[in-house]
Amino acid sequence: MSEKKPMANGSSNGDETQTIDIHEEDGFRYHRGSALSIFSSDRTEDFMALVLALLIALGVYLFVD
């Protein structure tokens, strides 16, 4: 039987429904983020966030004196 390691917040989560998309690196367990996404990849999501941020910045620049 494998040993359960505590999550980043210190709790050892026994509920298996909460273990979606858990990654382990150097013995440290963490949730990468939501397993539900409208984007096909992390790169696409990051690119769209950058485009949205640039559009917001442009809008603020143009409409705020």
C-alpha atoms as a PDB file:
ATOM      1  CA  MET A   1       0.000   0.000   0.000  1.00  0.00           C
ATOM      2  CA  SER A   2       1.413   3.392  -0.967  1.00  0.00           C
ATOM      3  CA  GLU A   3       1.993   6.109   1.571  1.00  0.00           C
ATOM      4  CA  LYS A   4      -0.292   9.138   1.325  1.00  0.00           C
ATOM      5  CA  LYS A   5       1.675  12.351   1.198  1.00  0.00           C
ATOM      6  CA  PRO A   6       0.166  15.596   2.464  1.00  0.00           C
ATOM      7  CA  MET A   7      -0.971  18.205  -0.015  1.00  0.00           C
ATOM      8  CA  ALA A   8       0.680  21.630  -0.286  1.00  0.00           C
ATOM      9  CA  ASN A   9      -1.721  23.050   2.298  1.00  0.00           C
ATOM     10  CA  GLY A  10      -0.701  20.364   4.796  1.00  0.00           C
ATOM     11  CA  SER A  11      -3.858  18.261   4.695  1.00  0.00           C
ATOM     12  CA  SER A  12      -3.761  14.617   3.716  1.00  0.00           C
ATOM     13  CA  ASN A  13      -6.710  14.288   1.392  1.00  0.00           C
ATOM     14  CA  GLY A  14      -8.420  10.912   1.653  1.00  0.00           C
ATOM     15  CA  ASP A  15     -11.254  11.715  -0.760  1.00  0.00           C
ATOM     16  CA  GLU A  16     -10.348  10.185  -4.111  1.00  0.00           C
ATOM     17  CA  THR A  17     -12.640  12.594  -6.021  1.00  0.00           C
ATOM     18  CA  GLN A  18     -10.335  15.439  -5.038  1.00  0.00           C
ATOM     19  CA  THR A  19      -7.237  13.850  -6.574  1.00  0.00           C
ATOM     20  CA  ILE A  20      -7.952  14.924 -10.152  1.00  0.00           C
ATOM     21  CA  ASP A  21      -4.900  16.398 -11.837  1.00  0.00           C
ATOM     22  CA  ILE A  22      -2.501  16.067  -8.907  1.00  0.00           C
ATOM     23  CA  HIS A  23       1.147  16.290  -9.869  1.00  0.00           C
ATOM     24  CA  GLU A  24       4.164  15.276  -7.830  1.00  0.00           C
ATOM     25  CA  GLU A  25       7.574  16.821  -8.226  1.00  0.00           C
ATOM     26  CA  ASP A  26      10.538  16.284  -5.897  1.00  0.00           C
ATOM     27  CA  GLY A  27       8.224  14.673  -3.339  1.00  0.00           C
ATOM     28  CA  PHE A  28       5.889  17.696  -3.312  1.00  0.00           C
ATOM     29  CA  ARG A  29       2.249  17.108  -4.297  1.00  0.00           C
ATOM     30  CA  TYR A  30       0.151  19.910  -5.749  1.00  0.00           C
ATOM     31  CA  HIS A  31      -2.947  20.569  -7.821  1.00  0.00           C
ATOM     32  CA  ARG A  32      -1.945  21.881 -11.230  1.00  0.00           C
ATOM     33  CA  GLY A  33      -5.282  23.612 -11.606  1.00  0.00           C
ATOM     34  CA  SER A  34      -8.729  22.815 -12.786  1.00  0.00           C
ATOM     35  CA  ALA A  35      -9.086  19.686 -14.853  1.00  0.00           C
ATOM     36  CA  LEU A  36     -11.931  21.409 -16.711  1.00  0.00           C
ATOM     37  CA  SER A  37     -10.898  23.813 -19.418  1.00  0.00           C
ATOM     38  CA  ILE A  38     -12.319  25.228 -22.630  1.00  0.00           C
ATOM     39  CA  PHE A  39      -8.843  25.298 -24.146  1.00  0.00           C
ATOM     40  CA  SER A  40      -7.051  22.409 -25.799  1.00  0.00           C
ATOM     41  CA  SER A  41      -3.723  23.087 -24.079  1.00  0.00           C
ATOM     42  CA  ASP A  42      -2.048  25.195 -21.407  1.00  0.00           C
ATOM     43  CA  ARG A  43      -0.183  27.121 -24.094  1.00  0.00           C
ATOM     44  CA  THR A  44      -3.441  28.123 -25.790  1.00  0.00           C
ATOM     45  CA  GLU A  45      -4.898  29.194 -22.454  1.00  0.00           C
ATOM     46  CA  ASP A  46      -1.814  31.281 -21.649  1.00  0.00           C
ATOM     47  CA  PHE A  47      -1.832  32.897 -25.106  1.00  0.00           C
ATOM     48  CA  MET A  48      -5.506  33.826 -24.842  1.00  0.00           C
ATOM     49  CA  ALA A  49      -4.939  35.299 -21.371  1.00  0.00           C
ATOM     50  CA  LEU A  50      -2.099  37.402 -22.782  1.00  0.00           C
ATOM     51  CA  VAL A  51      -4.250  38.626 -25.683  1.00  0.00           C
ATOM     52  CA  LEU A  52      -7.083  39.517 -23.307  1.00  0.00           C
ATOM     53  CA  ALA A  53      -4.700  41.378 -20.985  1.00  0.00           C
ATOM     54  CA  LEU A  54      -3.284  43.346 -23.924  1.00  0.00           C
ATOM     55  CA  LEU A  55      -6.787  44.252 -25.138  1.00  0.00           C
ATOM     56  CA  ILE A  56      -7.744  45.449 -21.653  1.00  0.00           C
ATOM     57  CA  ALA A  57      -4.553  47.500 -21.397  1.00  0.00           C
ATOM     58  CA  LEU A  58      -5.160  49.010 -24.833  1.00  0.00           C
ATOM     59  CA  GLY A  59      -8.743  49.856 -23.900  1.00  0.00           C
ATOM     60  CA  VAL A  60      -7.629  51.546 -20.689  1.00  0.00           C
ATOM     61  CA  TYR A  61      -4.942  53.468 -22.583  1.00  0.00           C
ATOM     62  CA  LEU A  62      -7.373  54.693 -25.251  1.00  0.00           C
ATOM     63  CA  PHE A  63     -10.400  55.506 -23.091  1.00  0.00           C
ATOM     64  CA  VAL A  64      -8.827  56.895 -19.909  1.00  0.00           C
ATOM     65  CA  ASP A  65      -7.334  60.343 -20.066  1.00  0.00           C
END
